[in-house]
Structures are given as structure tokens and as C-alpha cells.
């Protein structure tokens, strides 16, 4: 089903020109795809002059990168807000991350992971959005690594990789199947993965050695 052209609402008029462009383009790109949305469409729906767009962005590619960066920054802020000051242990924090993903997937406006969507549409290795993609993936890997290490899970590298696969898979499967249940399945698998690792002899020895 093709979204209606009027699906993206006008941004708040109080926003500056650059913020209005990013807010409008980000919503359109996410709903309909980067390639399907042209610059003129963004200009019209943002209510700005063409010259204003090119005063802030050299090209559509730069606008795409700015939109992805804004979405990824907002996502990181959500994660940090959920974990900051939390009394949960590392196991609880890992599960909380997948609880948050479930909430995002159940949102009526969910159209898949924006990072996956943009990555699938952009093949050029020198596209400015690629740097945003790489930076966010590293942030995610570092976050999982820190929590897995704190929890004392072994083998750490393999568990981090599995967590990333489960996170990616939940978003992709939920979009393809149109079912938020995929988020529940991913969380179930994460909980079992953690508990099996905690019960493994090598993990128990490592934890006992730190006492």
C-alpha cells in the first residue's frame, strides 16, 4: 500500500528552517523511502524556499545523512533515558533494551528500523549517511559489550553478536510479518540466552574469580 502524499504533517512553524527541513524529510523518508521522496516534495511540505534548503545542505545525500543522524540521536536518547539512573542490574538493563524495542515496534507509525531502511537503499560506500550508520552500529555494539561484560556473560563476543542479530531480526521480521509479536520472541530468546550463559560452568568460574 502506498502512503498518501499528505501523510507528512507540516512541522511546527516555530522551528528554524534547518530543523523544519530535517523534521519534514525525516518523516517522509521513513514513511515512503529515500528514493521515493524528491527534494521538491520536501521543500513543498516543509514550506521553505529551494534556496533555503541548499543554504543548509549541499545535496539530498547530506539531507538524508542529517535525517538519519537526528533519528539515531533520538533513539540513543531514549535508550539512555531508560537506563540512566536505573536500579536494574546488567541483566535487567539488557532485557529493558528489548522491552523498549518492543514498545517502538508496537507504535502504529512503525515502518521498520530506519537504519536498516536507509542502508538497504544506499549502496554507495562514500554516501554521507554511511558514516552515521557506522557510528550508530559501533555505539550499539559498545553498549551491548559493556552490559554483557558487566553481567559476566561468556563467551562475550558471541553473545554480543547474538544480541545484535536478535535486535535486527525483531525489527525486520516485525515489518515483514506486520506483527509486533516478533519483539516478544526476540526478548524471550534474549532472556534464555542470558540465563543459559549465567548457568554455564565457564561463566560461574569467571564470576567466582572476581569475588
N, C-alpha and C. Protein backbone atom coordinates (compact mmCIF):
# COMPACT_ATOMS: atom_id res chain seq x y z
N UNK A 1 0.84 -1.19 0.00
CA UNK A 1 0.00 0.00 0.00
C UNK A 1 0.87 1.24 0.00
N UNK A 2 0.58 2.17 -0.87
CA UNK A 2 1.36 3.40 -0.97
C UNK A 2 0.79 4.46 -0.05
N UNK A 3 1.62 5.06 0.82
CA UNK A 3 1.13 6.09 1.73
C UNK A 3 0.59 7.27 0.95
N UNK A 4 -0.39 7.94 1.53
CA UNK A 4 -0.93 9.14 0.89
C UNK A 4 0.13 10.24 0.88
N UNK A 5 0.11 11.06 -0.16
CA UNK A 5 1.12 12.11 -0.28
C UNK A 5 1.02 13.12 0.86
N UNK A 6 -0.13 13.25 1.43
CA UNK A 6 -0.28 14.22 2.51
C UNK A 6 0.00 13.65 3.88
N UNK A 7 0.61 12.48 3.93
CA UNK A 7 0.80 11.79 5.20
C UNK A 7 1.69 12.56 6.16
N UNK A 8 2.67 13.31 5.63
CA UNK A 8 3.59 14.05 6.50
C UNK A 8 2.98 15.40 6.84
N UNK A 9 2.73 15.65 8.12
CA UNK A 9 2.16 16.92 8.52
C UNK A 9 3.21 18.01 8.51
N UNK A 10 2.76 19.25 8.37
CA UNK A 10 3.69 20.37 8.37
C UNK A 10 4.37 20.47 9.73
N UNK A 11 5.69 20.75 9.75
CA UNK A 11 6.39 20.90 11.02
C UNK A 11 5.96 22.17 11.74
N UNK A 12 6.27 22.25 13.01
CA UNK A 12 5.91 23.43 13.79
C UNK A 12 6.55 24.67 13.16
N UNK A 13 5.76 25.73 12.93
CA UNK A 13 6.32 26.95 12.31
C UNK A 13 7.38 27.63 13.16
N UNK A 14 7.41 27.30 14.47
CA UNK A 14 8.40 27.92 15.35
C UNK A 14 9.80 27.34 15.13
N UNK A 15 9.89 26.20 14.44
CA UNK A 15 11.20 25.60 14.17
C UNK A 15 11.97 26.44 13.17
N UNK A 16 13.30 26.42 13.29
CA UNK A 16 14.13 27.09 12.30
C UNK A 16 14.06 26.36 10.98
N UNK A 17 14.55 27.00 9.92
CA UNK A 17 14.47 26.41 8.58
C UNK A 17 15.16 25.05 8.53
N UNK A 18 16.36 24.94 9.06
CA UNK A 18 17.08 23.67 9.00
C UNK A 18 16.33 22.57 9.75
N UNK A 19 15.82 22.91 10.93
CA UNK A 19 15.08 21.92 11.71
C UNK A 19 13.78 21.52 11.01
N UNK A 20 13.14 22.46 10.35
CA UNK A 20 11.91 22.14 9.63
C UNK A 20 12.19 21.21 8.46
N UNK A 21 13.27 21.46 7.78
CA UNK A 21 13.64 20.60 6.65
C UNK A 21 13.95 19.18 7.13
N UNK A 22 14.70 19.07 8.21
CA UNK A 22 15.07 17.75 8.72
C UNK A 22 13.83 17.02 9.25
N UNK A 23 12.97 17.74 9.97
CA UNK A 23 11.76 17.11 10.51
C UNK A 23 10.86 16.60 9.39
N UNK A 24 10.68 17.41 8.36
CA UNK A 24 9.82 17.02 7.24
C UNK A 24 10.43 15.87 6.46
N UNK A 25 11.69 16.02 6.06
CA UNK A 25 12.36 14.99 5.26
C UNK A 25 12.47 13.68 6.03
N UNK A 26 12.78 13.77 7.32
CA UNK A 26 12.93 12.56 8.12
C UNK A 26 11.64 11.75 8.13
N UNK A 27 10.51 12.42 8.30
CA UNK A 27 9.23 11.71 8.33
C UNK A 27 8.90 11.12 6.97
N UNK A 28 9.12 11.89 5.91
CA UNK A 28 8.83 11.40 4.56
C UNK A 28 9.74 10.24 4.18
N UNK A 29 11.03 10.39 4.43
CA UNK A 29 11.98 9.32 4.10
C UNK A 29 11.62 8.04 4.84
N UNK A 30 11.23 8.17 6.11
CA UNK A 30 10.92 6.99 6.91
C UNK A 30 9.63 6.33 6.43
N UNK A 31 8.62 7.14 6.11
CA UNK A 31 7.33 6.59 5.69
C UNK A 31 7.36 6.01 4.29
N UNK A 32 8.09 6.67 3.38
CA UNK A 32 7.98 6.30 1.97
C UNK A 32 9.27 5.85 1.31
N UNK A 33 10.39 6.09 1.96
CA UNK A 33 11.68 5.68 1.39
C UNK A 33 12.46 6.86 0.85
N UNK A 34 13.77 6.76 0.92
CA UNK A 34 14.64 7.85 0.48
C UNK A 34 14.51 8.10 -1.01
N UNK A 35 14.51 7.04 -1.80
CA UNK A 35 14.47 7.21 -3.25
C UNK A 35 13.12 7.70 -3.75
N UNK A 36 12.07 7.37 -3.03
CA UNK A 36 10.72 7.74 -3.48
C UNK A 36 10.39 9.20 -3.24
N UNK A 37 11.13 9.84 -2.36
CA UNK A 37 10.83 11.23 -2.00
C UNK A 37 11.87 12.16 -2.60
N UNK A 38 11.40 13.09 -3.45
CA UNK A 38 12.31 14.04 -4.09
C UNK A 38 12.48 15.31 -3.27
N UNK A 39 13.50 16.06 -3.61
CA UNK A 39 13.79 17.31 -2.91
C UNK A 39 12.62 18.29 -2.99
N UNK A 40 11.98 18.38 -4.16
CA UNK A 40 10.87 19.32 -4.31
C UNK A 40 9.73 19.00 -3.36
N UNK A 41 9.49 17.72 -3.15
CA UNK A 41 8.45 17.30 -2.21
C UNK A 41 8.78 17.78 -0.80
N UNK A 42 10.03 17.63 -0.42
CA UNK A 42 10.45 18.06 0.91
C UNK A 42 10.28 19.57 1.05
N UNK A 43 10.69 20.30 0.04
CA UNK A 43 10.61 21.76 0.07
C UNK A 43 9.16 22.21 0.23
N UNK A 44 8.27 21.61 -0.55
CA UNK A 44 6.86 22.00 -0.51
C UNK A 44 6.24 21.70 0.85
N UNK A 45 6.50 20.52 1.39
CA UNK A 45 5.87 20.15 2.64
C UNK A 45 6.50 20.83 3.85
N UNK A 46 7.76 21.23 3.72
CA UNK A 46 8.40 21.98 4.80
C UNK A 46 8.02 23.45 4.76
N UNK A 47 7.52 23.90 3.59
CA UNK A 47 7.12 25.30 3.44
C UNK A 47 8.30 26.24 3.42
N UNK A 48 9.37 25.84 2.72
CA UNK A 48 10.56 26.70 2.63
C UNK A 48 10.92 26.89 1.16
N UNK A 49 11.77 27.86 0.90
CA UNK A 49 12.23 28.12 -0.46
C UNK A 49 13.35 27.14 -0.81
N UNK A 50 13.48 26.84 -2.11
CA UNK A 50 14.52 25.93 -2.55
C UNK A 50 15.90 26.42 -2.15
N UNK A 51 16.09 27.75 -2.23
CA UNK A 51 17.38 28.32 -1.87
C UNK A 51 17.71 28.07 -0.40
N UNK A 52 16.67 28.02 0.43
CA UNK A 52 16.88 27.80 1.86
C UNK A 52 17.43 26.40 2.10
N UNK A 53 16.94 25.42 1.33
CA UNK A 53 17.43 24.06 1.50
C UNK A 53 18.91 23.99 1.18
N UNK A 54 19.29 24.56 0.05
CA UNK A 54 20.69 24.46 -0.36
C UNK A 54 21.61 25.39 0.41
N UNK A 55 21.01 26.28 1.20
CA UNK A 55 21.83 27.09 2.10
C UNK A 55 22.29 26.27 3.30
N UNK A 56 21.55 25.19 3.58
CA UNK A 56 21.87 24.36 4.73
C UNK A 56 22.45 23.00 4.34
N UNK A 57 22.09 22.51 3.16
CA UNK A 57 22.55 21.18 2.72
C UNK A 57 23.06 21.25 1.29
N UNK A 58 24.22 20.68 1.06
CA UNK A 58 24.81 20.72 -0.28
C UNK A 58 24.06 19.84 -1.26
N UNK A 59 23.40 18.80 -0.76
CA UNK A 59 22.73 17.86 -1.65
C UNK A 59 21.67 17.08 -0.88
N UNK A 60 20.89 16.30 -1.61
CA UNK A 60 19.92 15.43 -0.96
C UNK A 60 20.63 14.41 -0.08
N UNK A 61 21.80 13.95 -0.52
CA UNK A 61 22.55 12.97 0.27
C UNK A 61 22.88 13.52 1.65
N UNK A 62 23.27 14.81 1.71
CA UNK A 62 23.59 15.42 3.01
C UNK A 62 22.34 15.55 3.87
N UNK A 63 21.20 15.82 3.24
CA UNK A 63 19.94 15.90 3.98
C UNK A 63 19.57 14.53 4.54
N UNK A 64 19.75 13.49 3.74
CA UNK A 64 19.48 12.12 4.20
C UNK A 64 20.34 11.80 5.42
N UNK A 65 21.61 12.15 5.35
CA UNK A 65 22.53 11.89 6.47
C UNK A 65 22.09 12.64 7.72
N UNK A 66 21.66 13.88 7.55
CA UNK A 66 21.21 14.69 8.70
C UNK A 66 19.96 14.09 9.32
N UNK A 67 19.06 13.61 8.47
CA UNK A 67 17.82 13.00 8.97
C UNK A 67 18.11 11.72 9.75
N UNK A 68 19.00 10.90 9.20
CA UNK A 68 19.34 9.64 9.87
C UNK A 68 20.05 9.93 11.19
N UNK A 69 20.92 10.92 11.19
CA UNK A 69 21.64 11.29 12.41
C UNK A 69 20.66 11.75 13.49
N UNK A 70 19.65 12.53 13.06
CA UNK A 70 18.65 13.01 14.01
C UNK A 70 17.86 11.84 14.60
N UNK A 71 17.47 10.89 13.77
CA UNK A 71 16.72 9.73 14.25
C UNK A 71 17.57 8.85 15.17
N UNK A 72 18.81 8.64 14.80
CA UNK A 72 19.68 7.81 15.63
C UNK A 72 19.98 8.49 16.96
N UNK A 73 20.15 9.81 16.95
CA UNK A 73 20.40 10.54 18.19
C UNK A 73 19.19 10.46 19.11
N UNK A 74 18.00 10.57 18.51
CA UNK A 74 16.77 10.45 19.31
C UNK A 74 16.65 9.05 19.90
N UNK A 75 17.02 8.05 19.12
CA UNK A 75 16.98 6.67 19.62
C UNK A 75 17.95 6.45 20.76
N UNK A 76 19.15 6.99 20.63
CA UNK A 76 20.14 6.85 21.71
C UNK A 76 19.65 7.55 22.97
N UNK A 77 19.00 8.71 22.80
CA UNK A 77 18.49 9.45 23.95
C UNK A 77 17.41 8.64 24.68
N UNK A 78 16.57 7.93 23.91
CA UNK A 78 15.55 7.08 24.53
C UNK A 78 16.19 5.97 25.35
N UNK A 79 17.21 5.36 24.79
CA UNK A 79 17.90 4.28 25.49
C UNK A 79 18.55 4.81 26.76
N UNK A 80 19.23 5.92 26.65
CA UNK A 80 19.92 6.48 27.81
C UNK A 80 18.94 6.91 28.89
N UNK A 81 17.78 7.45 28.48
CA UNK A 81 16.77 7.84 29.46
C UNK A 81 16.22 6.63 30.19
N UNK A 82 16.10 5.52 29.46
CA UNK A 82 15.58 4.29 30.06
C UNK A 82 16.59 3.68 31.05
N UNK A 83 17.87 3.80 30.73
CA UNK A 83 18.88 3.15 31.56
C UNK A 83 19.50 4.07 32.61
N UNK A 84 19.51 5.38 32.35
CA UNK A 84 20.18 6.32 33.24
C UNK A 84 19.54 6.30 34.63
N UNK A 85 20.35 6.09 35.61
CA UNK A 85 19.84 6.08 36.98
C UNK A 85 19.01 4.86 37.32
N UNK A 86 18.98 3.90 36.42
CA UNK A 86 18.19 2.69 36.66
C UNK A 86 18.83 1.87 37.77
N UNK A 87 17.98 1.24 38.58
CA UNK A 87 18.47 0.36 39.64
C UNK A 87 18.60 -1.08 39.15
N UNK A 88 18.30 -1.31 37.88
CA UNK A 88 18.40 -2.65 37.32
C UNK A 88 19.86 -3.11 37.24
N UNK A 89 20.07 -4.40 37.37
CA UNK A 89 21.40 -4.92 37.13
C UNK A 89 21.61 -5.05 35.63
N UNK A 90 22.78 -5.53 35.22
CA UNK A 90 23.10 -5.60 33.79
C UNK A 90 22.11 -6.49 33.04
N UNK A 91 21.73 -7.61 33.65
CA UNK A 91 20.75 -8.49 33.01
C UNK A 91 19.44 -7.74 32.78
N UNK A 92 18.99 -7.02 33.81
CA UNK A 92 17.74 -6.26 33.69
C UNK A 92 17.83 -5.18 32.64
N UNK A 93 18.99 -4.55 32.52
CA UNK A 93 19.17 -3.50 31.52
C UNK A 93 19.13 -4.06 30.10
N UNK A 94 19.73 -5.23 29.91
CA UNK A 94 19.67 -5.86 28.60
C UNK A 94 18.23 -6.17 28.21
N UNK A 95 17.48 -6.70 29.15
CA UNK A 95 16.08 -7.00 28.87
C UNK A 95 15.27 -5.72 28.66
N UNK A 96 15.62 -4.66 29.40
CA UNK A 96 14.93 -3.38 29.24
C UNK A 96 15.12 -2.81 27.85
N UNK A 97 16.29 -3.04 27.26
CA UNK A 97 16.55 -2.57 25.90
C UNK A 97 15.59 -3.24 24.92
N UNK A 98 15.34 -4.52 25.12
CA UNK A 98 14.44 -5.23 24.22
C UNK A 98 12.97 -4.92 24.55
N UNK A 99 12.68 -4.54 25.79
CA UNK A 99 11.35 -4.05 26.12
C UNK A 99 11.09 -2.74 25.38
N UNK A 100 12.09 -1.88 25.36
CA UNK A 100 11.95 -0.61 24.64
C UNK A 100 11.76 -0.85 23.16
N UNK A 101 12.51 -1.78 22.59
CA UNK A 101 12.34 -2.08 21.18
C UNK A 101 10.91 -2.57 20.91
N UNK A 102 10.37 -3.36 21.81
CA UNK A 102 9.00 -3.83 21.65
C UNK A 102 8.01 -2.68 21.63
N UNK A 103 8.24 -1.68 22.48
CA UNK A 103 7.36 -0.51 22.50
C UNK A 103 7.42 0.24 21.17
N UNK A 104 8.63 0.37 20.63
CA UNK A 104 8.79 1.07 19.36
C UNK A 104 8.12 0.31 18.22
N UNK A 105 8.25 -1.00 18.23
CA UNK A 105 7.66 -1.83 17.18
C UNK A 105 6.14 -1.79 17.25
N UNK A 106 5.58 -1.68 18.45
CA UNK A 106 4.13 -1.62 18.60
C UNK A 106 3.54 -0.26 18.27
N UNK A 107 4.39 0.74 18.07
CA UNK A 107 3.91 2.07 17.68
C UNK A 107 3.21 1.98 16.33
N UNK A 108 2.01 2.55 16.19
CA UNK A 108 1.28 2.48 14.91
C UNK A 108 2.05 3.05 13.72
N UNK A 109 3.01 3.94 13.98
CA UNK A 109 3.78 4.54 12.89
C UNK A 109 5.06 3.78 12.57
N UNK A 110 5.25 2.62 13.20
CA UNK A 110 6.46 1.83 12.95
C UNK A 110 6.52 1.39 11.49
N UNK A 111 7.63 1.69 10.84
CA UNK A 111 7.86 1.29 9.45
C UNK A 111 9.21 0.59 9.32
N UNK A 112 9.60 -0.09 10.36
CA UNK A 112 10.88 -0.77 10.35
C UNK A 112 11.98 0.08 10.96
N UNK A 113 13.16 -0.52 11.07
CA UNK A 113 14.31 0.20 11.61
C UNK A 113 14.81 1.19 10.57
N UNK A 114 14.89 2.49 10.89
CA UNK A 114 15.34 3.47 9.91
C UNK A 114 16.76 3.21 9.43
N UNK A 115 17.59 2.68 10.30
CA UNK A 115 18.96 2.36 9.92
C UNK A 115 18.97 1.27 8.86
N UNK A 116 18.17 0.23 9.05
CA UNK A 116 18.10 -0.84 8.07
C UNK A 116 17.52 -0.34 6.75
N UNK A 117 16.50 0.50 6.83
CA UNK A 117 15.84 1.00 5.62
C UNK A 117 16.80 1.82 4.77
N UNK A 118 17.50 2.74 5.41
CA UNK A 118 18.43 3.60 4.67
C UNK A 118 19.59 2.77 4.14
N UNK A 119 20.10 1.85 4.93
CA UNK A 119 21.21 1.02 4.49
C UNK A 119 20.84 0.21 3.26
N UNK A 120 19.59 -0.27 3.21
CA UNK A 120 19.14 -1.06 2.07
C UNK A 120 19.02 -0.22 0.80
N UNK A 121 18.74 1.05 0.96
CA UNK A 121 18.54 1.92 -0.20
C UNK A 121 19.82 2.56 -0.71
N UNK A 122 20.84 2.60 0.12
CA UNK A 122 22.07 3.31 -0.24
C UNK A 122 23.20 2.31 -0.45
N UNK A 123 23.70 2.26 -1.66
CA UNK A 123 24.78 1.32 -1.98
C UNK A 123 26.15 1.99 -2.00
N UNK A 124 26.19 3.27 -2.33
CA UNK A 124 27.48 3.96 -2.47
C UNK A 124 28.22 4.00 -1.14
N UNK A 125 29.45 3.49 -1.10
CA UNK A 125 30.20 3.46 0.15
C UNK A 125 30.59 4.85 0.67
N UNK A 126 30.61 5.85 -0.24
CA UNK A 126 31.01 7.20 0.17
C UNK A 126 29.81 8.10 0.47
N UNK A 127 28.61 7.52 0.51
CA UNK A 127 27.43 8.32 0.85
C UNK A 127 27.59 8.84 2.28
N UNK A 128 27.29 10.13 2.54
CA UNK A 128 27.48 10.67 3.90
C UNK A 128 26.68 9.95 4.98
N UNK A 129 25.57 9.33 4.60
CA UNK A 129 24.78 8.59 5.60
C UNK A 129 25.51 7.35 6.10
N UNK A 130 26.45 6.83 5.32
CA UNK A 130 27.19 5.64 5.73
C UNK A 130 27.96 5.89 7.02
N UNK A 131 28.48 7.11 7.17
CA UNK A 131 29.23 7.42 8.40
C UNK A 131 28.30 7.37 9.62
N UNK A 132 27.07 7.82 9.42
CA UNK A 132 26.09 7.79 10.51
C UNK A 132 25.76 6.34 10.86
N UNK A 133 25.58 5.53 9.83
CA UNK A 133 25.28 4.12 10.03
C UNK A 133 26.38 3.42 10.82
N UNK A 134 27.62 3.65 10.40
CA UNK A 134 28.77 3.01 11.06
C UNK A 134 28.87 3.46 12.51
N UNK A 135 28.68 4.77 12.75
CA UNK A 135 28.80 5.30 14.11
C UNK A 135 27.73 4.72 15.03
N UNK A 136 26.51 4.60 14.51
CA UNK A 136 25.44 4.07 15.36
C UNK A 136 25.66 2.58 15.65
N UNK A 137 26.10 1.84 14.65
CA UNK A 137 26.35 0.42 14.88
C UNK A 137 27.45 0.22 15.93
N UNK A 138 28.45 1.08 15.89
CA UNK A 138 29.52 0.97 16.87
C UNK A 138 28.98 1.31 18.26
N UNK A 139 28.12 2.33 18.34
CA UNK A 139 27.51 2.69 19.63
C UNK A 139 26.71 1.52 20.18
N UNK A 140 25.93 0.87 19.33
CA UNK A 140 25.11 -0.26 19.77
C UNK A 140 25.99 -1.42 20.24
N UNK A 141 27.03 -1.70 19.46
CA UNK A 141 27.94 -2.79 19.84
C UNK A 141 28.63 -2.47 21.16
N UNK A 142 29.06 -1.23 21.33
CA UNK A 142 29.72 -0.84 22.59
C UNK A 142 28.77 -0.96 23.77
N UNK A 143 27.51 -0.58 23.58
CA UNK A 143 26.53 -0.67 24.65
C UNK A 143 26.29 -2.11 25.06
N UNK A 144 26.07 -2.97 24.08
CA UNK A 144 25.87 -4.39 24.39
C UNK A 144 27.11 -4.99 25.04
N UNK A 145 28.27 -4.62 24.54
CA UNK A 145 29.52 -5.15 25.09
C UNK A 145 29.68 -4.76 26.55
N UNK A 146 29.39 -3.51 26.86
CA UNK A 146 29.52 -3.03 28.24
C UNK A 146 28.57 -3.79 29.18
N UNK A 147 27.34 -3.99 28.75
CA UNK A 147 26.36 -4.67 29.60
C UNK A 147 26.66 -6.17 29.72
N UNK A 148 27.09 -6.77 28.62
CA UNK A 148 27.45 -8.19 28.66
C UNK A 148 28.65 -8.40 29.57
N UNK A 149 29.62 -7.51 29.50
CA UNK A 149 30.80 -7.59 30.36
C UNK A 149 30.41 -7.40 31.82
N UNK A 150 29.55 -6.41 32.07
CA UNK A 150 29.11 -6.14 33.44
C UNK A 150 28.37 -7.34 34.03
N UNK A 151 27.58 -8.00 33.18
CA UNK A 151 26.82 -9.17 33.64
C UNK A 151 27.69 -10.41 33.77
N UNK A 152 28.90 -10.36 33.21
CA UNK A 152 29.81 -11.51 33.29
C UNK A 152 29.42 -12.64 32.37
N UNK A 153 28.76 -12.31 31.24
CA UNK A 153 28.31 -13.34 30.32
C UNK A 153 29.46 -13.82 29.43
N UNK A 154 29.52 -15.11 29.19
CA UNK A 154 30.55 -15.71 28.36
C UNK A 154 29.94 -16.73 27.40
N UNK A 155 30.47 -16.84 26.17
CA UNK A 155 31.54 -16.03 25.57
C UNK A 155 31.01 -14.66 25.14
N UNK A 156 31.65 -13.62 25.61
CA UNK A 156 31.13 -12.26 25.47
C UNK A 156 30.93 -11.84 24.02
N UNK A 157 31.94 -12.06 23.18
CA UNK A 157 31.84 -11.60 21.78
C UNK A 157 30.69 -12.27 21.05
N UNK A 158 30.53 -13.56 21.28
CA UNK A 158 29.45 -14.29 20.60
C UNK A 158 28.08 -13.84 21.10
N UNK A 159 27.97 -13.56 22.39
CA UNK A 159 26.69 -13.12 22.94
C UNK A 159 26.35 -11.72 22.42
N UNK A 160 27.34 -10.84 22.36
CA UNK A 160 27.09 -9.51 21.79
C UNK A 160 26.59 -9.63 20.35
N UNK A 161 27.24 -10.47 19.57
CA UNK A 161 26.81 -10.67 18.19
C UNK A 161 25.40 -11.20 18.11
N UNK A 162 25.07 -12.15 19.00
CA UNK A 162 23.72 -12.72 19.00
C UNK A 162 22.68 -11.68 19.38
N UNK A 163 23.00 -10.82 20.33
CA UNK A 163 22.07 -9.77 20.73
C UNK A 163 21.79 -8.80 19.58
N UNK A 164 22.83 -8.48 18.82
CA UNK A 164 22.65 -7.59 17.68
C UNK A 164 21.77 -8.26 16.63
N UNK A 165 22.01 -9.54 16.38
CA UNK A 165 21.20 -10.27 15.41
C UNK A 165 19.74 -10.33 15.85
N UNK A 166 19.49 -10.57 17.13
CA UNK A 166 18.13 -10.63 17.64
C UNK A 166 17.44 -9.27 17.54
N UNK A 167 18.19 -8.21 17.83
CA UNK A 167 17.62 -6.87 17.72
C UNK A 167 17.27 -6.53 16.27
N UNK A 168 18.22 -6.78 15.38
CA UNK A 168 17.97 -6.53 13.95
C UNK A 168 16.82 -7.39 13.44
N UNK A 169 16.84 -8.65 13.83
CA UNK A 169 15.83 -9.57 13.34
C UNK A 169 14.44 -9.23 13.81
N UNK A 170 14.32 -8.75 15.04
CA UNK A 170 13.00 -8.39 15.56
C UNK A 170 12.38 -7.27 14.74
N UNK A 171 13.18 -6.25 14.42
CA UNK A 171 12.67 -5.12 13.63
C UNK A 171 12.30 -5.56 12.21
N UNK A 172 13.18 -6.32 11.59
CA UNK A 172 12.95 -6.74 10.21
C UNK A 172 11.74 -7.67 10.11
N UNK A 173 11.65 -8.65 11.01
CA UNK A 173 10.55 -9.61 10.97
C UNK A 173 9.22 -8.95 11.29
N UNK A 174 9.24 -8.02 12.23
CA UNK A 174 8.00 -7.31 12.59
C UNK A 174 7.46 -6.53 11.40
N UNK A 175 8.36 -5.94 10.62
CA UNK A 175 7.92 -5.18 9.44
C UNK A 175 7.39 -6.11 8.37
N UNK A 176 8.10 -7.17 8.08
CA UNK A 176 7.69 -8.11 7.02
C UNK A 176 6.38 -8.80 7.38
N UNK A 177 6.28 -9.26 8.62
CA UNK A 177 5.10 -10.03 9.04
C UNK A 177 3.97 -9.15 9.54
N UNK A 178 4.27 -7.87 9.79
CA UNK A 178 3.24 -6.99 10.32
C UNK A 178 2.78 -7.42 11.70
N UNK A 179 3.71 -7.95 12.49
CA UNK A 179 3.36 -8.48 13.80
C UNK A 179 4.35 -8.03 14.86
N UNK A 180 3.84 -7.35 15.87
CA UNK A 180 4.70 -6.92 16.97
C UNK A 180 5.13 -8.09 17.84
N UNK A 181 4.52 -9.27 17.62
CA UNK A 181 4.90 -10.45 18.40
C UNK A 181 6.37 -10.80 18.22
N UNK A 182 6.95 -10.37 17.10
CA UNK A 182 8.36 -10.66 16.85
C UNK A 182 9.25 -10.05 17.94
N UNK A 183 8.84 -8.91 18.46
CA UNK A 183 9.60 -8.28 19.54
C UNK A 183 9.55 -9.15 20.79
N UNK A 184 8.39 -9.76 21.05
CA UNK A 184 8.26 -10.66 22.20
C UNK A 184 9.13 -11.90 22.04
N UNK A 185 9.18 -12.42 20.81
CA UNK A 185 10.01 -13.60 20.55
C UNK A 185 11.49 -13.28 20.78
N UNK A 186 11.91 -12.09 20.31
CA UNK A 186 13.31 -11.70 20.48
C UNK A 186 13.65 -11.55 21.96
N UNK A 187 12.75 -10.93 22.72
CA UNK A 187 13.02 -10.76 24.15
C UNK A 187 13.09 -12.11 24.85
N UNK A 188 12.21 -13.03 24.48
CA UNK A 188 12.22 -14.37 25.06
C UNK A 188 13.58 -15.03 24.80
N UNK A 189 14.07 -14.89 23.58
CA UNK A 189 15.35 -15.51 23.23
C UNK A 189 16.50 -14.86 23.99
N UNK A 190 16.43 -13.54 24.16
CA UNK A 190 17.49 -12.84 24.91
C UNK A 190 17.53 -13.31 26.36
N UNK A 191 16.36 -13.43 26.97
CA UNK A 191 16.31 -13.86 28.36
C UNK A 191 16.89 -15.27 28.52
N UNK A 192 16.54 -16.16 27.59
CA UNK A 192 17.07 -17.52 27.67
C UNK A 192 18.58 -17.54 27.43
N UNK A 193 19.03 -16.73 26.48
CA UNK A 193 20.46 -16.65 26.18
C UNK A 193 21.26 -16.20 27.40
N UNK A 194 20.76 -15.18 28.06
CA UNK A 194 21.43 -14.67 29.25
C UNK A 194 21.47 -15.73 30.35
N UNK A 195 20.33 -16.32 30.60
CA UNK A 195 20.25 -17.28 31.71
C UNK A 195 21.09 -18.53 31.46
N UNK A 196 21.11 -18.99 30.22
CA UNK A 196 21.94 -20.15 29.89
C UNK A 196 23.42 -19.80 30.09
N UNK A 197 23.80 -18.59 29.68
CA UNK A 197 25.19 -18.18 29.84
C UNK A 197 25.56 -18.08 31.32
N UNK A 198 24.65 -17.55 32.13
CA UNK A 198 24.93 -17.40 33.56
C UNK A 198 25.06 -18.75 34.26
N UNK A 199 24.40 -19.76 33.70
CA UNK A 199 24.45 -21.09 34.30
C UNK A 199 25.63 -21.93 33.81
N UNK A 200 26.32 -21.45 32.76
CA UNK A 200 27.42 -22.21 32.18
C UNK A 200 28.59 -22.28 33.15
N UNK A 201 29.30 -23.41 33.19
CA UNK A 201 30.43 -23.57 34.12
C UNK A 201 31.49 -22.49 33.94
N UNK A 202 31.82 -22.12 32.69
CA UNK A 202 32.87 -21.13 32.46
C UNK A 202 32.47 -19.77 33.01
N UNK A 203 31.18 -19.44 32.90
CA UNK A 203 30.70 -18.17 33.41
C UNK A 203 30.73 -18.16 34.93
N UNK A 204 30.33 -19.27 35.54
CA UNK A 204 30.35 -19.34 37.00
C UNK A 204 31.78 -19.23 37.53
N UNK A 205 32.73 -19.86 36.84
CA UNK A 205 34.12 -19.77 37.29
C UNK A 205 34.63 -18.34 37.17
N UNK A 206 34.26 -17.67 36.06
CA UNK A 206 34.71 -16.28 35.88
C UNK A 206 34.12 -15.37 36.95
N UNK A 207 32.85 -15.58 37.29
CA UNK A 207 32.22 -14.75 38.31
C UNK A 207 32.81 -15.04 39.68
N UNK A 208 33.09 -16.31 39.97
CA UNK A 208 33.66 -16.66 41.27
C UNK A 208 35.06 -16.08 41.41
N UNK A 209 35.79 -16.00 40.29
CA UNK A 209 37.14 -15.48 40.33
C UNK A 209 37.21 -14.00 40.64
N UNK A 210 36.10 -13.28 40.40
CA UNK A 210 36.09 -11.85 40.65
C UNK A 210 35.67 -11.52 42.07
N UNK A 211 35.23 -12.51 42.82
CA UNK A 211 34.78 -12.27 44.20
C UNK A 211 35.95 -12.05 45.16
